[in-house]
Amino acid sequence: MLAQPHFRACYDFFALRAEAGDAPQEVAYWWSRFQDVTEDEREEMLLPDDQPKKKRRRRSKRGAGKPQENAAQGAASDADSAHDNE
């Protein structure tokens, strides 16, 4: 990842933002150091993933015609309301 040109471009931009005060200086320093250390030191710099994984909620499947039927009913009731107001 560190050898990718896109990473380097993003890092350089982030470092410039940190110098300008638009990004945390500590984070820019961490990334600078992360690039310069050995693989073992990088492993030590990373936080362990101790938190339990969040379960993803699945969306319920809707019938294919239901949204269109509801829209059609809404349009019909709007037309009735407009007709009543005349």
PDB file of N, CA and C in Angstrom:
ATOM      1  N   MET A   1       0.833  -1.189   0.000  1.00  0.00           N
ATOM      2  CA  MET A   1       0.000   0.000   0.000  1.00  0.00           C
ATOM      3  C   MET A   1       0.877   1.253   0.000  1.00  0.00           C
ATOM      4  N   LEU A   2       1.920   1.264   0.792  1.00  0.00           N
ATOM      5  CA  LEU A   2       2.743   2.464   0.917  1.00  0.00           C
ATOM      6  C   LEU A   2       3.491   2.804  -0.373  1.00  0.00           C
ATOM      7  N   ALA A   3       3.673   1.821  -1.232  1.00  0.00           N
ATOM      8  CA  ALA A   3       4.397   2.060  -2.481  1.00  0.00           C
ATOM      9  C   ALA A   3       3.494   2.585  -3.599  1.00  0.00           C
ATOM     10  N   GLN A   4       2.209   2.589  -3.381  1.00  0.00           N
ATOM     11  CA  GLN A   4       1.274   3.039  -4.409  1.00  0.00           C
ATOM     12  C   GLN A   4       1.383   4.552  -4.619  1.00  0.00           C
ATOM     13  N   PRO A   5       1.418   5.012  -5.861  1.00  0.00           N
ATOM     14  CA  PRO A   5       1.484   6.458  -6.130  1.00  0.00           C
ATOM     15  C   PRO A   5       0.293   7.222  -5.552  1.00  0.00           C
ATOM     16  N   HIS A   6      -0.886   6.597  -5.549  1.00  0.00           N
ATOM     17  CA  HIS A   6      -2.077   7.270  -5.008  1.00  0.00           C
ATOM     18  C   HIS A   6      -1.926   7.495  -3.503  1.00  0.00           C
ATOM     19  N   PHE A   7      -1.337   6.521  -2.812  1.00  0.00           N
ATOM     20  CA  PHE A   7      -1.111   6.700  -1.381  1.00  0.00           C
ATOM     21  C   PHE A   7      -0.190   7.885  -1.145  1.00  0.00           C
ATOM     22  N   ARG A   8       0.888   7.929  -1.900  1.00  0.00           N
ATOM     23  CA  ARG A   8       1.865   9.001  -1.711  1.00  0.00           C
ATOM     24  C   ARG A   8       1.230  10.362  -1.983  1.00  0.00           C
ATOM     25  N   ALA A   9       0.418  10.446  -3.013  1.00  0.00           N
ATOM     26  CA  ALA A   9      -0.249  11.713  -3.336  1.00  0.00           C
ATOM     27  C   ALA A   9      -1.201  12.117  -2.205  1.00  0.00           C
ATOM     28  N   CYS A  10      -1.939  11.156  -1.683  1.00  0.00           N
ATOM     29  CA  CYS A  10      -2.865  11.449  -0.573  1.00  0.00           C
ATOM     30  C   CYS A  10      -2.107  11.856   0.675  1.00  0.00           C
ATOM     31  N   TYR A  11      -1.019  11.139   0.945  1.00  0.00           N
ATOM     32  CA  TYR A  11      -0.208  11.482   2.123  1.00  0.00           C
ATOM     33  C   TYR A  11       0.354  12.898   1.992  1.00  0.00           C
ATOM     34  N   ASP A  12       0.911  13.226   0.834  1.00  0.00           N
ATOM     35  CA  ASP A  12       1.473  14.564   0.631  1.00  0.00           C
ATOM     36  C   ASP A  12       0.419  15.644   0.827  1.00  0.00           C
ATOM     37  N   PHE A  13      -0.758  15.411   0.295  1.00  0.00           N
ATOM     38  CA  PHE A  13      -1.844  16.384   0.450  1.00  0.00           C
ATOM     39  C   PHE A  13      -2.248  16.512   1.914  1.00  0.00           C
ATOM     40  N   PHE A  14      -2.335  15.373   2.610  1.00  0.00           N
ATOM     41  CA  PHE A  14      -2.694  15.408   4.028  1.00  0.00           C
ATOM     42  C   PHE A  14      -1.631  16.159   4.831  1.00  0.00           C
ATOM     43  N   ALA A  15      -0.355  15.927   4.520  1.00  0.00           N
ATOM     44  CA  ALA A  15       0.725  16.613   5.226  1.00  0.00           C
ATOM     45  C   ALA A  15       0.637  18.129   5.012  1.00  0.00           C
ATOM     46  N   LEU A  16       0.316  18.538   3.788  1.00  0.00           N
ATOM     47  CA  LEU A  16       0.145  19.972   3.520  1.00  0.00           C
ATOM     48  C   LEU A  16      -1.017  20.552   4.316  1.00  0.00           C
ATOM     49  N   ARG A  17      -2.106  19.798   4.381  1.00  0.00           N
ATOM     50  CA  ARG A  17      -3.263  20.256   5.168  1.00  0.00           C
ATOM     51  C   ARG A  17      -2.904  20.384   6.640  1.00  0.00           C
ATOM     52  N   ALA A  18      -2.113  19.449   7.158  1.00  0.00           N
ATOM     53  CA  ALA A  18      -1.696  19.505   8.561  1.00  0.00           C
ATOM     54  C   ALA A  18      -0.815  20.726   8.811  1.00  0.00           C
ATOM     55  N   GLU A  19       0.087  21.015   7.888  1.00  0.00           N
ATOM     56  CA  GLU A  19       0.928  22.204   8.028  1.00  0.00           C
ATOM     57  C   GLU A  19       0.102  23.478   8.024  1.00  0.00           C
ATOM     58  N   ALA A  20      -0.983  23.485   7.262  1.00  0.00           N
ATOM     59  CA  ALA A  20      -1.846  24.666   7.182  1.00  0.00           C
ATOM     60  C   ALA A  20      -2.819  24.747   8.358  1.00  0.00           C
ATOM     61  N   GLY A  21      -2.876  23.684   9.179  1.00  0.00           N
ATOM     62  CA  GLY A  21      -3.782  23.697  10.327  1.00  0.00           C
ATOM     63  C   GLY A  21      -5.146  23.128  10.036  1.00  0.00           C
ATOM     64  N   ASP A  22      -5.341  22.529   8.863  1.00  0.00           N
ATOM     65  CA  ASP A  22      -6.640  21.972   8.488  1.00  0.00           C
ATOM     66  C   ASP A  22      -6.773  20.492   8.821  1.00  0.00           C
ATOM     67  N   ALA A  23      -5.714  19.868   9.315  1.00  0.00           N
ATOM     68  CA  ALA A  23      -5.743  18.452   9.684  1.00  0.00           C
ATOM     69  C   ALA A  23      -4.874  18.288  10.934  1.00  0.00           C
ATOM     70  N   PRO A  24      -5.147  17.250  11.724  1.00  0.00           N
ATOM     71  CA  PRO A  24      -4.377  17.065  12.963  1.00  0.00           C
ATOM     72  C   PRO A  24      -2.891  16.776  12.691  1.00  0.00           C
ATOM     73  N   GLN A  25      -2.033  17.557  13.305  1.00  0.00           N
ATOM     74  CA  GLN A  25      -0.583  17.409  13.132  1.00  0.00           C
ATOM     75  C   GLN A  25      -0.104  16.044  13.635  1.00  0.00           C
ATOM     76  N   GLU A  26      -0.735  15.533  14.712  1.00  0.00           N
ATOM     77  CA  GLU A  26      -0.321  14.247  15.273  1.00  0.00           C
ATOM     78  C   GLU A  26      -0.548  13.112  14.269  1.00  0.00           C
ATOM     79  N   VAL A  27      -1.634  13.187  13.528  1.00  0.00           N
ATOM     80  CA  VAL A  27      -1.957  12.141  12.550  1.00  0.00           C
ATOM     81  C   VAL A  27      -0.958  12.187  11.395  1.00  0.00           C
ATOM     82  N   ALA A  28      -0.607  13.381  10.947  1.00  0.00           N
ATOM     83  CA  ALA A  28       0.385  13.517   9.883  1.00  0.00           C
ATOM     84  C   ALA A  28       1.730  12.968  10.347  1.00  0.00           C
ATOM     85  N   TYR A  29       2.095  13.250  11.591  1.00  0.00           N
ATOM     86  CA  TYR A  29       3.342  12.716  12.125  1.00  0.00           C
ATOM     87  C   TYR A  29       3.291  11.197  12.181  1.00  0.00           C
ATOM     88  N   TRP A  30       2.163  10.629  12.623  1.00  0.00           N
ATOM     89  CA  TRP A  30       2.016   9.170  12.716  1.00  0.00           C
ATOM     90  C   TRP A  30       2.237   8.533  11.346  1.00  0.00           C
ATOM     91  N   TRP A  31       1.593   9.085  10.305  1.00  0.00           N
ATOM     92  CA  TRP A  31       1.755   8.538   8.957  1.00  0.00           C
ATOM     93  C   TRP A  31       3.186   8.685   8.460  1.00  0.00           C
ATOM     94  N   SER A  32       3.842   9.775   8.780  1.00  0.00           N
ATOM     95  CA  SER A  32       5.243   9.955   8.398  1.00  0.00           C
ATOM     96  C   SER A  32       6.103   8.878   9.040  1.00  0.00           C
ATOM     97  N   ARG A  33       5.909   8.673  10.313  1.00  0.00           N
ATOM     98  CA  ARG A  33       6.680   7.666  11.037  1.00  0.00           C
ATOM     99  C   ARG A  33       6.345   6.263  10.533  1.00  0.00           C
ATOM    100  N   PHE A  34       5.065   5.998  10.273  1.00  0.00           N
ATOM    101  CA  PHE A  34       4.612   4.682   9.814  1.00  0.00           C
ATOM    102  C   PHE A  34       5.328   4.275   8.521  1.00  0.00           C
ATOM    103  N   GLN A  35       5.593   5.238   7.666  1.00  0.00           N
ATOM    104  CA  GLN A  35       6.274   4.947   6.401  1.00  0.00           C
ATOM    105  C   GLN A  35       7.746   4.620   6.587  1.00  0.00           C
ATOM    106  N   ASP A  36       8.353   5.143   7.643  1.00  0.00           N
ATOM    107  CA  ASP A  36       9.795   5.027   7.826  1.00  0.00           C
ATOM    108  C   ASP A  36      10.236   3.853   8.692  1.00  0.00           C
ATOM    109  N   VAL A  37       9.323   3.193   9.381  1.00  0.00           N
ATOM    110  CA  VAL A  37       9.709   2.121  10.299  1.00  0.00           C
ATOM    111  C   VAL A  37       9.666   0.759   9.609  1.00  0.00           C
ATOM    112  N   THR A  38      10.171  -0.244  10.301  1.00  0.00           N
ATOM    113  CA  THR A  38      10.167  -1.605   9.762  1.00  0.00           C
ATOM    114  C   THR A  38       8.773  -2.213   9.845  1.00  0.00           C
ATOM    115  N   GLU A  39       8.606  -3.350   9.188  1.00  0.00           N
ATOM    116  CA  GLU A  39       7.309  -4.044   9.188  1.00  0.00           C
ATOM    117  C   GLU A  39       6.883  -4.420  10.604  1.00  0.00           C
ATOM    118  N   ASP A  40       7.812  -4.874  11.423  1.00  0.00           N
ATOM    119  CA  ASP A  40       7.495  -5.243  12.811  1.00  0.00           C
ATOM    120  C   ASP A  40       7.042  -4.032  13.622  1.00  0.00           C
ATOM    121  N   GLU A  41       7.702  -2.919  13.416  1.00  0.00           N
ATOM    122  CA  GLU A  41       7.310  -1.699  14.131  1.00  0.00           C
ATOM    123  C   GLU A  41       5.937  -1.211  13.658  1.00  0.00           C
ATOM    124  N   ARG A  42       5.636  -1.387  12.392  1.00  0.00           N
ATOM    125  CA  ARG A  42       4.308  -1.013  11.882  1.00  0.00           C
ATOM    126  C   ARG A  42       3.227  -1.822  12.581  1.00  0.00           C
ATOM    127  N   GLU A  43       3.467  -3.119  12.737  1.00  0.00           N
ATOM    128  CA  GLU A  43       2.498  -3.975  13.430  1.00  0.00           C
ATOM    129  C   GLU A  43       2.235  -3.462  14.836  1.00  0.00           C
ATOM    130  N   GLU A  44       3.289  -3.011  15.512  1.00  0.00           N
ATOM    131  CA  GLU A  44       3.136  -2.490  16.873  1.00  0.00           C
ATOM    132  C   GLU A  44       2.374  -1.172  16.899  1.00  0.00           C
ATOM    133  N   MET A  45       2.489  -0.388  15.833  1.00  0.00           N
ATOM    134  CA  MET A  45       1.810   0.909  15.768  1.00  0.00           C
ATOM    135  C   MET A  45       0.304   0.772  15.543  1.00  0.00           C
ATOM    136  N   LEU A  46      -0.104  -0.341  14.969  1.00  0.00           N
ATOM    137  CA  LEU A  46      -1.520  -0.533  14.667  1.00  0.00           C
ATOM    138  C   LEU A  46      -2.281  -0.927  15.923  1.00  0.00           C
ATOM    139  N   LEU A  47      -3.506  -0.446  16.021  1.00  0.00           N
ATOM    140  CA  LEU A  47      -4.363  -0.788  17.154  1.00  0.00           C
ATOM    141  C   LEU A  47      -4.952  -2.175  16.962  1.00  0.00           C
ATOM    142  N   PRO A  48      -5.051  -2.953  18.038  1.00  0.00           N
ATOM    143  CA  PRO A  48      -5.683  -4.272  17.898  1.00  0.00           C
ATOM    144  C   PRO A  48      -7.182  -4.118  17.664  1.00  0.00           C
ATOM    145  N   ASP A  49      -7.749  -5.053  16.953  1.00  0.00           N
ATOM    146  CA  ASP A  49      -9.183  -5.041  16.663  1.00  0.00           C
ATOM    147  C   ASP A  49      -9.882  -5.909  17.707  1.00  0.00           C
ATOM    148  N   ASP A  50     -10.075  -5.353  18.915  1.00  0.00           N
ATOM    149  CA  ASP A  50     -10.655  -6.105  20.015  1.00  0.00           C
ATOM    150  C   ASP A  50     -12.173  -5.983  20.104  1.00  0.00           C
ATOM    151  N   GLN A  51     -12.726  -5.016  19.426  1.00  0.00           N
ATOM    152  CA  GLN A  51     -14.159  -4.783  19.534  1.00  0.00           C
ATOM    153  C   GLN A  51     -14.937  -5.831  18.760  1.00  0.00           C
ATOM    154  N   PRO A  52     -16.097  -6.241  19.321  1.00  0.00           N
ATOM    155  CA  PRO A  52     -16.913  -7.217  18.584  1.00  0.00           C
ATOM    156  C   PRO A  52     -17.457  -6.596  17.304  1.00  0.00           C
ATOM    157  N   LYS A  53     -17.612  -7.420  16.307  1.00  0.00           N
ATOM    158  CA  LYS A  53     -18.141  -6.956  15.023  1.00  0.00           C
ATOM    159  C   LYS A  53     -19.617  -6.623  15.174  1.00  0.00           C
ATOM    160  N   LYS A  54     -20.025  -5.532  14.552  1.00  0.00           N
ATOM    161  CA  LYS A  54     -21.437  -5.162  14.565  1.00  0.00           C
ATOM    162  C   LYS A  54     -22.174  -6.014  13.553  1.00  0.00           C
ATOM    163  N   LYS A  55     -23.357  -6.440  13.936  1.00  0.00           N
ATOM    164  CA  LYS A  55     -24.172  -7.208  13.001  1.00  0.00           C
ATOM    165  C   LYS A  55     -24.859  -6.246  12.046  1.00  0.00           C
ATOM    166  N   ARG A  56     -24.851  -6.606  10.787  1.00  0.00           N
ATOM    167  CA  ARG A  56     -25.525  -5.778   9.798  1.00  0.00           C
ATOM    168  C   ARG A  56     -26.995  -6.128   9.755  1.00  0.00           C
ATOM    169  N   ARG A  57     -27.790  -5.119   9.671  1.00  0.00           N
ATOM    170  CA  ARG A  57     -29.232  -5.343   9.518  1.00  0.00           C
ATOM    171  C   ARG A  57     -29.531  -5.511   8.044  1.00  0.00           C
ATOM    172  N   ARG A  58     -30.321  -6.475   7.756  1.00  0.00           N
ATOM    173  CA  ARG A  58     -30.734  -6.672   6.375  1.00  0.00           C
ATOM    174  C   ARG A  58     -32.040  -5.945   6.136  1.00  0.00           C
ATOM    175  N   ARG A  59     -32.128  -5.372   4.978  1.00  0.00           N
ATOM    176  CA  ARG A  59     -33.371  -4.698   4.608  1.00  0.00           C
ATOM    177  C   ARG A  59     -34.399  -5.743   4.243  1.00  0.00           C
ATOM    178  N   SER A  60     -35.620  -5.471   4.641  1.00  0.00           N
ATOM    179  CA  SER A  60     -36.668  -6.410   4.266  1.00  0.00           C
ATOM    180  C   SER A  60     -36.977  -6.242   2.781  1.00  0.00           C
ATOM    181  N   LYS A  61     -37.287  -7.347   2.162  1.00  0.00           N
ATOM    182  CA  LYS A  61     -37.608  -7.302   0.732  1.00  0.00           C
ATOM    183  C   LYS A  61     -39.052  -6.853   0.572  1.00  0.00           C
ATOM    184  N   ARG A  62     -39.242  -5.928  -0.315  1.00  0.00           N
ATOM    185  CA  ARG A  62     -40.592  -5.439  -0.591  1.00  0.00           C
ATOM    186  C   ARG A  62     -41.073  -6.067  -1.880  1.00  0.00           C
ATOM    187  N   GLY A  63     -42.369  -6.210  -1.988  1.00  0.00           N
ATOM    188  CA  GLY A  63     -42.939  -6.730  -3.225  1.00  0.00           C
ATOM    189  C   GLY A  63     -42.673  -5.769  -4.362  1.00  0.00           C
ATOM    190  N   ALA A  64     -42.572  -6.285  -5.555  1.00  0.00           N
ATOM    191  CA  ALA A  64     -42.228  -5.452  -6.710  1.00  0.00           C
ATOM    192  C   ALA A  64     -43.282  -4.397  -6.988  1.00  0.00           C
ATOM    193  N   GLY A  65     -44.562  -4.701  -6.744  1.00  0.00           N
ATOM    194  CA  GLY A  65     -45.621  -3.767  -7.090  1.00  0.00           C
ATOM    195  C   GLY A  65     -46.002  -2.820  -5.976  1.00  0.00           C
ATOM    196  N   LYS A  66     -45.598  -3.074  -4.778  1.00  0.00           N
ATOM    197  CA  LYS A  66     -46.051  -2.264  -3.650  1.00  0.00           C
ATOM    198  C   LYS A  66     -45.700  -0.787  -3.757  1.00  0.00           C
ATOM    199  N   PRO A  67     -44.445  -0.404  -4.036  1.00  0.00           N
ATOM    200  CA  PRO A  67     -44.163   1.034  -4.106  1.00  0.00           C
ATOM    201  C   PRO A  67     -44.961   1.736  -5.187  1.00  0.00           C
ATOM    202  N   GLN A  68     -45.159   1.086  -6.315  1.00  0.00           N
ATOM    203  CA  GLN A  68     -45.914   1.711  -7.394  1.00  0.00           C
ATOM    204  C   GLN A  68     -47.382   1.828  -7.017  1.00  0.00           C
ATOM    205  N   GLU A  69     -47.911   0.794  -6.345  1.00  0.00           N
ATOM    206  CA  GLU A  69     -49.316   0.855  -5.933  1.00  0.00           C
ATOM    207  C   GLU A  69     -49.530   1.987  -4.947  1.00  0.00           C
ATOM    208  N   ASN A  70     -48.619   2.138  -3.995  1.00  0.00           N
ATOM    209  CA  ASN A  70     -48.737   3.215  -3.019  1.00  0.00           C
ATOM    210  C   ASN A  70     -48.644   4.574  -3.691  1.00  0.00           C
ATOM    211  N   ALA A  71     -47.766   4.705  -4.664  1.00  0.00           N
ATOM    212  CA  ALA A  71     -47.633   5.966  -5.381  1.00  0.00           C
ATOM    213  C   ALA A  71     -48.908   6.258  -6.160  1.00  0.00           C
ATOM    214  N   ALA A  72     -49.478   5.230  -6.767  1.00  0.00           N
ATOM    215  CA  ALA A  72     -50.708   5.420  -7.529  1.00  0.00           C
ATOM    216  C   ALA A  72     -51.851   5.811  -6.598  1.00  0.00           C
ATOM    217  N   GLN A  73     -51.916   5.183  -5.419  1.00  0.00           N
ATOM    218  CA  GLN A  73     -52.967   5.527  -4.462  1.00  0.00           C
ATOM    219  C   GLN A  73     -52.796   6.953  -3.975  1.00  0.00           C
ATOM    220  N   GLY A  74     -51.523   7.370  -3.736  1.00  0.00           N
ATOM    221  CA  GLY A  74     -51.263   8.736  -3.291  1.00  0.00           C
ATOM    222  C   GLY A  74     -51.668   9.740  -4.343  1.00  0.00           C
ATOM    223  N   ALA A  75     -51.393   9.449  -5.605  1.00  0.00           N
ATOM    224  CA  ALA A  75     -51.765  10.349  -6.693  1.00  0.00           C
ATOM    225  C   ALA A  75     -53.280  10.428  -6.819  1.00  0.00           C
ATOM    226  N   ALA A  76     -53.971   9.296  -6.632  1.00  0.00           N
ATOM    227  CA  ALA A  76     -55.424   9.292  -6.725  1.00  0.00           C
ATOM    228  C   ALA A  76     -56.033  10.106  -5.594  1.00  0.00           C
ATOM    229  N   SER A  77     -55.495   9.980  -4.378  1.00  0.00           N
ATOM    230  CA  SER A  77     -56.055  10.734  -3.261  1.00  0.00           C
ATOM    231  C   SER A  77     -55.764  12.220  -3.423  1.00  0.00           C
ATOM    232  N   ASP A  78     -54.607  12.577  -4.023  1.00  0.00           N
ATOM    233  CA  ASP A  78     -54.300  13.979  -4.297  1.00  0.00           C
ATOM    234  C   ASP A  78     -55.289  14.553  -5.303  1.00  0.00           C
ATOM    235  N   ALA A  79     -55.625  13.767  -6.313  1.00  0.00           N
ATOM    236  CA  ALA A  79     -56.578  14.220  -7.316  1.00  0.00           C
ATOM    237  C   ALA A  79     -57.956  14.417  -6.688  1.00  0.00           C
ATOM    238  N   ASP A  80     -58.347  13.501  -5.783  1.00  0.00           N
ATOM    239  CA  ASP A  80     -59.626  13.635  -5.101  1.00  0.00           C
ATOM    240  C   ASP A  80     -59.638  14.894  -4.227  1.00  0.00           C
ATOM    241  N   SER A  81     -58.530  15.158  -3.549  1.00  0.00           N
ATOM    242  CA  SER A  81     -58.449  16.336  -2.699  1.00  0.00           C
ATOM    243  C   SER A  81     -58.536  17.603  -3.527  1.00  0.00           C
ATOM    244  N   ALA A  82     -57.877  17.633  -4.666  1.00  0.00           N
ATOM    245  CA  ALA A  82     -57.904  18.812  -5.533  1.00  0.00           C
ATOM    246  C   ALA A  82     -59.309  19.015  -6.073  1.00  0.00           C
ATOM    247  N   HIS A  83     -59.989  17.913  -6.395  1.00  0.00           N
ATOM    248  CA  HIS A  83     -61.350  17.992  -6.918  1.00  0.00           C
ATOM    249  C   HIS A  83     -62.302  18.503  -5.856  1.00  0.00           C
ATOM    250  N   ASP A  84     -62.107  18.072  -4.603  1.00  0.00           N
ATOM    251  CA  ASP A  84     -62.973  18.517  -3.492  1.00  0.00           C
ATOM    252  C   ASP A  84     -62.795  19.989  -3.201  1.00  0.00           C
ATOM    253  N   ASN A  85     -61.612  20.513  -3.436  1.00  0.00           N
ATOM    254  CA  ASN A  85     -61.334  21.913  -3.125  1.00  0.00           C
ATOM    255  C   ASN A  85     -61.924  22.854  -4.181  1.00  0.00           C
ATOM    256  N   GLU A  86     -62.390  22.358  -5.318  1.00  0.00           N
ATOM    257  CA  GLU A  86     -62.902  23.230  -6.380  1.00  0.00           C
ATOM    258  C   GLU A  86     -64.289  23.700  -6.090  1.00  0.00           C
TER     259      GLU A  86
END
